[in-house]
PDB file of N, CA and C in Angstrom:
ATOM      1  N   MET A   1      68.831 101.634 -25.025  1.00  0.00           N
ATOM      2  CA  MET A   1      68.763 102.642 -25.152  1.00  0.00           C
ATOM      3  C   MET A   1      67.740 103.763 -25.215  1.00  0.00           C
ATOM      4  N   THR A   2      67.192 104.442 -23.879  1.00  0.00           N
ATOM      5  CA  THR A   2      66.223 105.783 -24.539  1.00  0.00           C
ATOM      6  C   THR A   2      67.228 106.860 -25.132  1.00  0.00           C
ATOM      7  N   ASP A   3      66.597 107.823 -26.127  1.00  0.00           N
ATOM      8  CA  ASP A   3      67.389 108.633 -26.609  1.00  0.00           C
ATOM      9  C   ASP A   3      67.075 110.107 -25.355  1.00  0.00           C
ATOM     10  N   PRO A   4      68.096 110.504 -24.457  1.00  0.00           N
ATOM     11  CA  PRO A   4      68.302 111.363 -23.758  1.00  0.00           C
ATOM     12  C   PRO A   4      67.481 112.406 -23.734  1.00  0.00           C
ATOM     13  N   ASP A   5      67.009 112.982 -25.088  1.00  0.00           N
ATOM     14  CA  ASP A   5      66.236 113.884 -25.242  1.00  0.00           C
ATOM     15  C   ASP A   5      64.194 113.641 -25.366  1.00  0.00           C
ATOM     16  N   ASN A   6      64.337 112.305 -25.302  1.00  0.00           N
ATOM     17  CA  ASN A   6      63.041 111.950 -24.598  1.00  0.00           C
ATOM     18  C   ASN A   6      62.870 111.052 -23.540  1.00  0.00           C
ATOM     19  N   ALA A   7      63.944 110.948 -22.900  1.00  0.00           N
ATOM     20  CA  ALA A   7      63.406 110.064 -21.731  1.00  0.00           C
ATOM     21  C   ALA A   7      62.720 111.021 -20.481  1.00  0.00           C
ATOM     22  N   ASP A   8      62.471 109.664 -19.703  1.00  0.00           N
ATOM     23  CA  ASP A   8      61.574 109.836 -19.061  1.00  0.00           C
ATOM     24  C   ASP A   8      61.778 110.498 -17.471  1.00  0.00           C
ATOM     25  N   ARG A   9      61.105 111.209 -17.205  1.00  0.00           N
ATOM     26  CA  ARG A   9      61.648 111.405 -15.762  1.00  0.00           C
ATOM     27  C   ARG A   9      60.603 111.188 -14.749  1.00  0.00           C
ATOM     28  N   VAL A  10      60.840 110.431 -14.025  1.00  0.00           N
ATOM     29  CA  VAL A  10      60.310 109.056 -13.229  1.00  0.00           C
ATOM     30  C   VAL A  10      60.753 109.822 -11.553  1.00  0.00           C
ATOM     31  N   PHE A  11      59.502 110.282 -10.940  1.00  0.00           N
ATOM     32  CA  PHE A  11      59.825 111.031  -9.656  1.00  0.00           C
ATOM     33  C   PHE A  11      58.509 109.877  -8.394  1.00  0.00           C
ATOM     34  N   VAL A  12      60.457 109.266  -7.597  1.00  0.00           N
ATOM     35  CA  VAL A  12      59.289 107.643  -7.255  1.00  0.00           C
ATOM     36  C   VAL A  12      59.756 108.240  -5.407  1.00  0.00           C
ATOM     37  N   ASP A  13      58.666 107.775  -5.055  1.00  0.00           N
ATOM     38  CA  ASP A  13      57.818 108.075  -3.529  1.00  0.00           C
ATOM     39  C   ASP A  13      59.342 107.327  -2.584  1.00  0.00           C
ATOM     40  N   PHE A  14      59.859 106.996  -1.244  1.00  0.00           N
ATOM     41  CA  PHE A  14      60.443 106.454  -0.794  1.00  0.00           C
ATOM     42  C   PHE A  14      59.788 105.916   0.633  1.00  0.00           C
ATOM     43  N   ASP A  15      58.897 106.019   1.156  1.00  0.00           N
ATOM     44  CA  ASP A  15      58.529 105.541   2.120  1.00  0.00           C
ATOM     45  C   ASP A  15      56.875 104.703   1.808  1.00  0.00           C
ATOM     46  N   ASN A  16      57.068 103.635   1.786  1.00  0.00           N
ATOM     47  CA  ASN A  16      56.366 102.577   0.837  1.00  0.00           C
ATOM     48  C   ASN A  16      56.165 102.436  -0.131  1.00  0.00           C
ATOM     49  N   THR A  17      57.198 102.859  -0.896  1.00  0.00           N
ATOM     50  CA  THR A  17      57.377 102.505  -2.151  1.00  0.00           C
ATOM     51  C   THR A  17      58.633 102.101  -2.690  1.00  0.00           C
ATOM     52  N   LEU A  18      59.870 102.557  -2.141  1.00  0.00           N
ATOM     53  CA  LEU A  18      60.638 101.762  -2.089  1.00  0.00           C
ATOM     54  C   LEU A  18      61.047 101.148  -0.754  1.00  0.00           C
ATOM     55  N   THR A  19      60.694 101.463   0.168  1.00  0.00           N
ATOM     56  CA  THR A  19      60.481 100.840   1.250  1.00  0.00           C
ATOM     57  C   THR A  19      59.536  99.843   1.652  1.00  0.00           C
ATOM     58  N   THR A  20      59.034  98.447   1.851  1.00  0.00           N
ATOM     59  CA  THR A  20      58.072  97.754   2.204  1.00  0.00           C
ATOM     60  C   THR A  20      56.802  98.117   3.134  1.00  0.00           C
ATOM     61  N   ASP A  21      57.030  99.397   3.916  1.00  0.00           N
ATOM     62  CA  ASP A  21      56.196  99.457   5.288  1.00  0.00           C
ATOM     63  C   ASP A  21      56.868 101.057   5.408  1.00  0.00           C
ATOM     64  N   ASP A  22      55.585 101.940   5.977  1.00  0.00           N
ATOM     65  CA  ASP A  22      55.761 103.263   6.548  1.00  0.00           C
ATOM     66  C   ASP A  22      56.612 103.098   8.383  1.00  0.00           C
ATOM     67  N   VAL A  23      57.290 103.833   8.636  1.00  0.00           N
ATOM     68  CA  VAL A  23      57.941 103.229  10.205  1.00  0.00           C
ATOM     69  C   VAL A  23      58.268 104.207  10.583  1.00  0.00           C
ATOM     70  N   ALA A  24      58.130 104.716  11.635  1.00  0.00           N
ATOM     71  CA  ALA A  24      58.597 105.696  12.913  1.00  0.00           C
ATOM     72  C   ALA A  24      59.954 106.172  12.738  1.00  0.00           C
ATOM     73  N   TYR A  25      60.375 106.570  11.776  1.00  0.00           N
ATOM     74  CA  TYR A  25      62.285 107.636  11.288  1.00  0.00           C
ATOM     75  C   TYR A  25      62.281 108.076  12.230  1.00  0.00           C
ATOM     76  N   TRP A  26      61.209 108.891  13.333  1.00  0.00           N
ATOM     77  CA  TRP A  26      61.428 109.922  14.133  1.00  0.00           C
ATOM     78  C   TRP A  26      62.218 109.418  15.140  1.00  0.00           C
ATOM     79  N   ASP A  27      61.690 108.469  15.577  1.00  0.00           N
ATOM     80  CA  ASP A  27      62.377 107.146  16.787  1.00  0.00           C
ATOM     81  C   ASP A  27      62.983 106.335  16.794  1.00  0.00           C
ATOM     82  N   GLY A  28      63.654 106.587  15.372  1.00  0.00           N
ATOM     83  CA  GLY A  28      65.290 105.592  14.835  1.00  0.00           C
ATOM     84  C   GLY A  28      64.639 104.035  14.180  1.00  0.00           C
ATOM     85  N   GLU A  29      63.719 103.999  13.447  1.00  0.00           N
ATOM     86  CA  GLU A  29      63.522 102.934  13.605  1.00  0.00           C
ATOM     87  C   GLU A  29      63.619 102.694  11.799  1.00  0.00           C
ATOM     88  N   ARG A  30      64.190 101.650  11.272  1.00  0.00           N
ATOM     89  CA  ARG A  30      65.000 101.744   9.799  1.00  0.00           C
ATOM     90  C   ARG A  30      64.068 101.236   8.783  1.00  0.00           C
ATOM     91  N   PRO A  31      64.049 101.664   7.691  1.00  0.00           N
ATOM     92  CA  PRO A  31      63.231 100.881   6.342  1.00  0.00           C
ATOM     93  C   PRO A  31      63.568  99.137   6.789  1.00  0.00           C
ATOM     94  N   ASP A  32      62.657  99.138   5.768  1.00  0.00           N
ATOM     95  CA  ASP A  32      63.593  97.761   4.511  1.00  0.00           C
ATOM     96  C   ASP A  32      63.551  97.708   3.716  1.00  0.00           C
ATOM     97  N   PRO A  33      63.828  97.951   2.556  1.00  0.00           N
ATOM     98  CA  PRO A  33      63.919  98.427   1.232  1.00  0.00           C
ATOM     99  C   PRO A  33      62.928  97.571   0.341  1.00  0.00           C
ATOM    100  N   ASP A  34      62.096  98.379  -0.369  1.00  0.00           N
ATOM    101  CA  ASP A  34      61.545  96.782  -1.129  1.00  0.00           C
ATOM    102  C   ASP A  34      62.441  96.264  -2.778  1.00  0.00           C
ATOM    103  N   GLU A  35      62.867  95.486  -2.153  1.00  0.00           N
ATOM    104  CA  GLU A  35      63.727  95.428  -3.513  1.00  0.00           C
ATOM    105  C   GLU A  35      63.028  94.942  -5.161  1.00  0.00           C
ATOM    106  N   ASP A  36      61.685  94.761  -5.693  1.00  0.00           N
ATOM    107  CA  ASP A  36      60.943  94.859  -6.653  1.00  0.00           C
ATOM    108  C   ASP A  36      60.961  96.087  -6.669  1.00  0.00           C
ATOM    109  N   VAL A  37      60.304  96.653  -5.798  1.00  0.00           N
ATOM    110  CA  VAL A  37      60.401  98.219  -6.936  1.00  0.00           C
ATOM    111  C   VAL A  37      62.001  98.911  -7.302  1.00  0.00           C
ATOM    112  N   ILE A  38      62.923  98.156  -6.214  1.00  0.00           N
ATOM    113  CA  ILE A  38      63.804  99.314  -6.340  1.00  0.00           C
ATOM    114  C   ILE A  38      64.662  98.830  -7.882  1.00  0.00           C
ATOM    115  N   ASP A  39      64.281  97.141  -8.176  1.00  0.00           N
ATOM    116  CA  ASP A  39      64.687  97.011  -9.962  1.00  0.00           C
ATOM    117  C   ASP A  39      63.902  97.692 -10.423  1.00  0.00           C
ATOM    118  N   ALA A  40      62.780  97.629 -10.262  1.00  0.00           N
ATOM    119  CA  ALA A  40      61.575  98.218 -11.599  1.00  0.00           C
ATOM    120  C   ALA A  40      62.760  99.898 -11.174  1.00  0.00           C
ATOM    121  N   VAL A  41      62.781 100.364 -10.530  1.00  0.00           N
ATOM    122  CA  VAL A  41      63.137 101.934 -10.442  1.00  0.00           C
ATOM    123  C   VAL A  41      64.707 102.135 -11.228  1.00  0.00           C
ATOM    124  N   ASN A  42      65.701 101.004 -10.524  1.00  0.00           N
ATOM    125  CA  ASN A  42      66.663 100.948 -11.724  1.00  0.00           C
ATOM    126  C   ASN A  42      66.865 100.074 -13.739  1.00  0.00           C
ATOM    127  N   GLU A  43      66.178  99.895 -12.537  1.00  0.00           N
ATOM    128  CA  GLU A  43      65.227  99.884 -15.040  1.00  0.00           C
ATOM    129  C   GLU A  43      65.465 100.045 -15.865  1.00  0.00           C
ATOM    130  N   ARG A  44      64.246 101.956 -15.351  1.00  0.00           N
ATOM    131  CA  ARG A  44      63.774 102.625 -15.746  1.00  0.00           C
ATOM    132  C   ARG A  44      64.996 103.707 -15.716  1.00  0.00           C
ATOM    133  N   TYR A  45      66.111 104.081 -14.911  1.00  0.00           N
ATOM    134  CA  TYR A  45      67.419 104.925 -14.863  1.00  0.00           C
ATOM    135  C   TYR A  45      67.966 103.962 -15.915  1.00  0.00           C
ATOM    136  N   TYR A  46      68.914 102.617 -15.980  1.00  0.00           N
ATOM    137  CA  TYR A  46      69.564 102.179 -16.915  1.00  0.00           C
ATOM    138  C   TYR A  46      68.593 102.311 -18.439  1.00  0.00           C
ATOM    139  N   ASP A  47      67.501 102.934 -18.691  1.00  0.00           N
ATOM    140  CA  ASP A  47      66.638 102.901 -19.770  1.00  0.00           C
ATOM    141  C   ASP A  47      67.413 104.438 -19.882  1.00  0.00           C
ATOM    142  N   GLY A  48      67.611 105.201 -19.794  1.00  0.00           N
ATOM    143  CA  GLY A  48      67.690 106.361 -19.927  1.00  0.00           C
ATOM    144  C   GLY A  48      66.541 107.553 -19.007  1.00  0.00           C
ATOM    145  N   ALA A  49      65.833 106.559 -17.789  1.00  0.00           N
ATOM    146  CA  ALA A  49      64.856 108.374 -17.404  1.00  0.00           C
ATOM    147  C   ALA A  49      65.801 108.625 -16.055  1.00  0.00           C
ATOM    148  N   THR A  50      65.499 110.063 -16.181  1.00  0.00           N
ATOM    149  CA  THR A  50      65.346 110.678 -15.127  1.00  0.00           C
ATOM    150  C   THR A  50      65.058 110.536 -13.859  1.00  0.00           C
ATOM    151  N   VAL A  51      65.525 110.068 -12.636  1.00  0.00           N
ATOM    152  CA  VAL A  51      65.043 109.160 -11.751  1.00  0.00           C
ATOM    153  C   VAL A  51      64.868 110.289 -10.160  1.00  0.00           C
ATOM    154  N   VAL A  52      63.707 110.796 -10.151  1.00  0.00           N
ATOM    155  CA  VAL A  52      64.155 112.049  -7.999  1.00  0.00           C
ATOM    156  C   VAL A  52      63.668 111.180  -7.601  1.00  0.00           C
ATOM    157  N   VAL A  53      64.143 110.673  -6.041  1.00  0.00           N
ATOM    158  CA  VAL A  53      63.006 110.669  -5.001  1.00  0.00           C
ATOM    159  C   VAL A  53      62.785 111.425  -4.435  1.00  0.00           C
ATOM    160  N   TRP A  54      61.524 111.328  -5.075  1.00  0.00           N
ATOM    161  CA  TRP A  54      60.482 112.633  -3.917  1.00  0.00           C
ATOM    162  C   TRP A  54      59.554 112.210  -3.121  1.00  0.00           C
ATOM    163  N   THR A  55      60.021 113.044  -1.406  1.00  0.00           N
ATOM    164  CA  THR A  55      59.613 112.362  -0.143  1.00  0.00           C
ATOM    165  C   THR A  55      58.837 112.847   0.556  1.00  0.00           C
ATOM    166  N   ALA A  56      58.045 113.149   1.182  1.00  0.00           N
ATOM    167  CA  ALA A  56      57.096 113.701   2.416  1.00  0.00           C
ATOM    168  C   ALA A  56      58.263 113.935   3.556  1.00  0.00           C
ATOM    169  N   ARG A  57      59.103 113.833   3.529  1.00  0.00           N
ATOM    170  CA  ARG A  57      59.729 113.304   5.040  1.00  0.00           C
ATOM    171  C   ARG A  57      60.357 114.675   4.097  1.00  0.00           C
ATOM    172  N   PRO A  58      60.606 115.104   5.965  1.00  0.00           N
ATOM    173  CA  PRO A  58      61.606 116.751   6.383  1.00  0.00           C
ATOM    174  C   PRO A  58      63.166 116.743   5.143  1.00  0.00           C
ATOM    175  N   TRP A  59      63.609 117.808   4.999  1.00  0.00           N
ATOM    176  CA  TRP A  59      65.032 117.964   4.421  1.00  0.00           C
ATOM    177  C   TRP A  59      65.486 117.604   5.661  1.00  0.00           C
ATOM    178  N   SER A  60      65.495 117.282   6.795  1.00  0.00           N
ATOM    179  CA  SER A  60      66.822 116.911   7.764  1.00  0.00           C
ATOM    180  C   SER A  60      66.921 115.418   7.843  1.00  0.00           C
ATOM    181  N   GLU A  61      66.182 114.849   7.028  1.00  0.00           N
ATOM    182  CA  GLU A  61      66.461 113.088   6.897  1.00  0.00           C
ATOM    183  C   GLU A  61      66.841 113.080   5.908  1.00  0.00           C
ATOM    184  N   ALA A  62      67.239 113.800   4.892  1.00  0.00           N
ATOM    185  CA  ALA A  62      68.132 113.988   3.420  1.00  0.00           C
ATOM    186  C   ALA A  62      69.003 112.973   3.239  1.00  0.00           C
ATOM    187  N   GLY A  63      70.041 113.472   3.955  1.00  0.00           N
ATOM    188  CA  GLY A  63      70.948 112.665   4.273  1.00  0.00           C
ATOM    189  C   GLY A  63      70.595 110.887   5.046  1.00  0.00           C
ATOM    190  N   ARG A  64      70.156 111.054   5.267  1.00  0.00           N
ATOM    191  CA  ARG A  64      70.093 109.429   5.934  1.00  0.00           C
ATOM    192  C   ARG A  64      68.739 108.943   4.929  1.00  0.00           C
ATOM    193  N   ILE A  65      68.135 109.196   4.055  1.00  0.00           N
ATOM    194  CA  ILE A  65      67.349 108.978   2.804  1.00  0.00           C
ATOM    195  C   ILE A  65      68.684 108.423   1.553  1.00  0.00           C
ATOM    196  N   ALA A  66      69.346 109.522   1.244  1.00  0.00           N
ATOM    197  CA  ALA A  66      70.201 109.122   0.358  1.00  0.00           C
ATOM    198  C   ALA A  66      71.351 107.911   1.080  1.00  0.00           C
ATOM    199  N   ALA A  67      71.945 107.911   2.302  1.00  0.00           N
ATOM    200  CA  ALA A  67      72.348 106.812   2.344  1.00  0.00           C
ATOM    201  C   ALA A  67      71.877 105.044   2.292  1.00  0.00           C
ATOM    202  N   HIS A  68      70.688 105.238   2.872  1.00  0.00           N
ATOM    203  CA  HIS A  68      69.276 103.956   2.500  1.00  0.00           C
ATOM    204  C   HIS A  68      69.856 103.556   1.018  1.00  0.00           C
ATOM    205  N   LEU A  69      69.652 104.724   0.092  1.00  0.00           N
ATOM    206  CA  LEU A  69      69.673 104.760  -1.535  1.00  0.00           C
ATOM    207  C   LEU A  69      70.749 104.206  -1.319  1.00  0.00           C
ATOM    208  N   THR A  70      71.466 104.464  -1.222  1.00  0.00           N
ATOM    209  CA  THR A  70      73.246 104.142  -1.715  1.00  0.00           C
ATOM    210  C   THR A  70      73.294 102.337  -1.021  1.00  0.00           C
ATOM    211  N   GLU A  71      73.116 102.566  -0.263  1.00  0.00           N
ATOM    212  CA  GLU A  71      73.412 100.619   0.204  1.00  0.00           C
ATOM    213  C   GLU A  71      72.395  99.987   0.073  1.00  0.00           C
ATOM    214  N   TRP A  72      71.024 100.194  -0.749  1.00  0.00           N
ATOM    215  CA  TRP A  72      70.010  99.563  -0.864  1.00  0.00           C
ATOM    216  C   TRP A  72      70.775  99.745  -2.911  1.00  0.00           C
ATOM    217  N   GLY A  73      71.508 100.440  -3.701  1.00  0.00           N
ATOM    218  CA  GLY A  73      71.759 100.084  -5.047  1.00  0.00           C
ATOM    219  C   GLY A  73      70.567 100.163  -5.382  1.00  0.00           C
ATOM    220  N   VAL A  74      70.014 101.464  -4.720  1.00  0.00           N
ATOM    221  CA  VAL A  74      68.900 102.514  -6.119  1.00  0.00           C
ATOM    222  C   VAL A  74      69.677 103.431  -6.756  1.00  0.00           C
ATOM    223  N   ARG A  75      69.816 103.519  -7.816  1.00  0.00           N
ATOM    224  CA  ARG A  75      69.483 104.505  -9.005  1.00  0.00           C
ATOM    225  C   ARG A  75      69.115 105.781  -9.072  1.00  0.00           C
ATOM    226  N   TRP A  76      69.726 107.003  -8.428  1.00  0.00           N
ATOM    227  CA  TRP A  76      68.554 108.053  -8.460  1.00  0.00           C
ATOM    228  C   TRP A  76      69.601 108.611  -8.941  1.00  0.00           C
ATOM    229  N   HIS A  77      68.820 110.301  -9.510  1.00  0.00           N
ATOM    230  CA  HIS A  77      69.770 111.666  -9.970  1.00  0.00           C
ATOM    231  C   HIS A  77      69.592 112.812  -9.380  1.00  0.00           C
ATOM    232  N   ALA A  78      68.191 112.862  -8.074  1.00  0.00           N
ATOM    233  CA  ALA A  78      68.286 113.528  -7.436  1.00  0.00           C
ATOM    234  C   ALA A  78      67.233 113.537  -6.169  1.00  0.00           C
ATOM    235  N   LEU A  79      67.171 113.895  -5.173  1.00  0.00           N
ATOM    236  CA  LEU A  79      66.336 114.389  -3.756  1.00  0.00           C
ATOM    237  C   LEU A  79      65.773 114.925  -3.705  1.00  0.00           C
ATOM    238  N   ARG A  80      64.393 115.158  -3.504  1.00  0.00           N
ATOM    239  CA  ARG A  80      63.682 115.717  -2.551  1.00  0.00           C
ATOM    240  C   ARG A  80      62.626 115.607  -1.736  1.00  0.00           C
ATOM    241  N   CYS A  81      62.604 116.672  -0.753  1.00  0.00           N
ATOM    242  CA  CYS A  81      61.815 116.350   0.563  1.00  0.00           C
ATOM    243  C   CYS A  81      60.378 117.600   0.576  1.00  0.00           C
ATOM    244  N   ASP A  82      60.103 117.544   1.397  1.00  0.00           N
ATOM    245  CA  ASP A  82      59.095 117.868   2.149  1.00  0.00           C
ATOM    246  C   ASP A  82      57.597 118.292   0.333  1.00  0.00           C
ATOM    247  N   LYS A  83      57.186 117.012   0.252  1.00  0.00           N
ATOM    248  CA  LYS A  83      56.504 117.084  -0.677  1.00  0.00           C
ATOM    249  C   LYS A  83      54.849 117.245  -0.042  1.00  0.00           C
ATOM    250  N   GLY A  84      55.202 117.318   1.681  1.00  0.00           N
ATOM    251  CA  GLY A  84      53.579 117.918   2.199  1.00  0.00           C
ATOM    252  C   GLY A  84      53.361 116.391   2.423  1.00  0.00           C
ATOM    253  N   SER A  85      52.790 116.463   3.404  1.00  0.00           N
ATOM    254  CA  SER A  85      52.253 115.252   4.008  1.00  0.00           C
ATOM    255  C   SER A  85      50.830 114.210   4.191  1.00  0.00           C
ATOM    256  N   GLY A  86      50.267 114.197   2.578  1.00  0.00           N
ATOM    257  CA  GLY A  86      48.737 113.848   2.699  1.00  0.00           C
ATOM    258  C   GLY A  86      48.282 112.482   2.857  1.00  0.00           C
ATOM    259  N   ASP A  87      47.481 112.172   2.885  1.00  0.00           N
ATOM    260  CA  ASP A  87      47.565 111.128   3.174  1.00  0.00           C
ATOM    261  C   ASP A  87      46.570 110.333   2.307  1.00  0.00           C
ATOM    262  N   VAL A  88      46.124 111.402   0.520  1.00  0.00           N
ATOM    263  CA  VAL A  88      45.741 110.805  -0.349  1.00  0.00           C
ATOM    264  C   VAL A  88      46.543 111.250  -1.209  1.00  0.00           C
ATOM    265  N   TYR A  89      47.179 111.414  -2.045  1.00  0.00           N
ATOM    266  CA  TYR A  89      47.728 112.168  -3.654  1.00  0.00           C
ATOM    267  C   TYR A  89      46.694 111.843  -4.682  1.00  0.00           C
ATOM    268  N   ILE A  90      46.294 113.207  -5.257  1.00  0.00           N
ATOM    269  CA  ILE A  90      45.507 112.526  -6.847  1.00  0.00           C
ATOM    270  C   ILE A  90      46.284 113.618  -7.951  1.00  0.00           C
ATOM    271  N   ASP A  91      46.926 112.617  -9.029  1.00  0.00           N
ATOM    272  CA  ASP A  91      47.562 112.812  -9.753  1.00  0.00           C
ATOM    273  C   ASP A  91      47.243 112.048 -11.247  1.00  0.00           C
ATOM    274  N   ASP A  92      47.035 112.477 -12.106  1.00  0.00           N
ATOM    275  CA  ASP A  92      46.687 112.329 -13.102  1.00  0.00           C
ATOM    276  C   ASP A  92      48.046 111.028 -14.164  1.00  0.00           C
ATOM    277  N   LYS A  93      49.421 110.944 -12.761  1.00  0.00           N
ATOM    278  CA  LYS A  93      50.586 110.485 -13.806  1.00  0.00           C
ATOM    279  C   LYS A  93      50.751 109.518 -12.861  1.00  0.00           C
ATOM    280  N   ALA A  94      49.396 109.218 -11.428  1.00  0.00           N
ATOM    281  CA  ALA A  94      50.528 108.159 -10.487  1.00  0.00           C
ATOM    282  C   ALA A  94      50.512 107.097 -11.303  1.00  0.00           C
ATOM    283  N   VAL A  95      51.355 105.860 -10.460  1.00  0.00           N
ATOM    284  CA  VAL A  95      51.568 105.117 -10.488  1.00  0.00           C
ATOM    285  C   VAL A  95      51.463 103.733  -9.509  1.00  0.00           C
ATOM    286  N   ARG A  96      50.859 103.429  -9.364  1.00  0.00           N
ATOM    287  CA  ARG A  96      51.597 102.552  -7.753  1.00  0.00           C
ATOM    288  C   ARG A  96      52.157 101.645  -8.024  1.00  0.00           C
ATOM    289  N   PRO A  97      53.540 101.040  -6.693  1.00  0.00           N
ATOM    290  CA  PRO A  97      54.237 100.421  -7.417  1.00  0.00           C
ATOM    291  C   PRO A  97      54.081  98.856  -7.833  1.00  0.00           C
ATOM    292  N   SER A  98      53.306  98.684  -7.283  1.00  0.00           N
ATOM    293  CA  SER A  98      52.398  97.507  -7.734  1.00  0.00           C
ATOM    294  C   SER A  98      51.872  97.095  -9.071  1.00  0.00           C
ATOM    295  N   GLU A  99      52.058  98.021 -10.105  1.00  0.00           N
ATOM    296  CA  GLU A  99      51.833  98.787 -11.240  1.00  0.00           C
ATOM    297  C   GLU A  99      53.300  98.387 -11.985  1.00  0.00           C
ATOM    298  N   VAL A 100      54.705  98.544 -11.352  1.00  0.00           N
ATOM    299  CA  VAL A 100      55.740  98.662 -11.842  1.00  0.00           C
ATOM    300  C   VAL A 100      56.167  97.210 -12.251  1.00  0.00           C
ATOM    301  N   THR A 101      55.865  96.550 -10.479  1.00  0.00           N
ATOM    302  CA  THR A 101      56.499  95.311 -10.222  1.00  0.00           C
ATOM    303  C   THR A 101      55.329  94.230 -11.056  1.00  0.00           C
ATOM    304  N   GLU A 102      56.065  92.942 -10.883  1.00  0.00           N
ATOM    305  CA  GLU A 102      54.693  92.103 -11.452  1.00  0.00           C
ATOM    306  C   GLU A 102      54.196  91.021 -10.003  1.00  0.00           C
ATOM    307  N   ARG A 103      54.119  91.959  -8.709  1.00  0.00           N
ATOM    308  CA  ARG A 103      53.326  91.988  -8.107  1.00  0.00           C
ATOM    309  C   ARG A 103      51.755  92.134  -8.229  1.00  0.00           C
TER     310      ARG A 103
END
């Protein structure tokens, strides 16, 4: 197990990362979980990382997101919403979902 004082903080997106694709959630569409990414996130959690699900969805969706995470068995510490709705995020620490799975 990782030393808690040196554990990673992992921020993971919801749509198209923990889910298999984007959905029109505002129309009641239900996302499907991406089991490979969920397994990779859970592995980081069990290795001692702090897992934060950070989504561009509005805070009004927080309860629905938390319900999906619980139903799918995603291990997480915190949920953050409203990161913005950009089409591209430029970040020196970015990792694509396929880079944390064997796809």
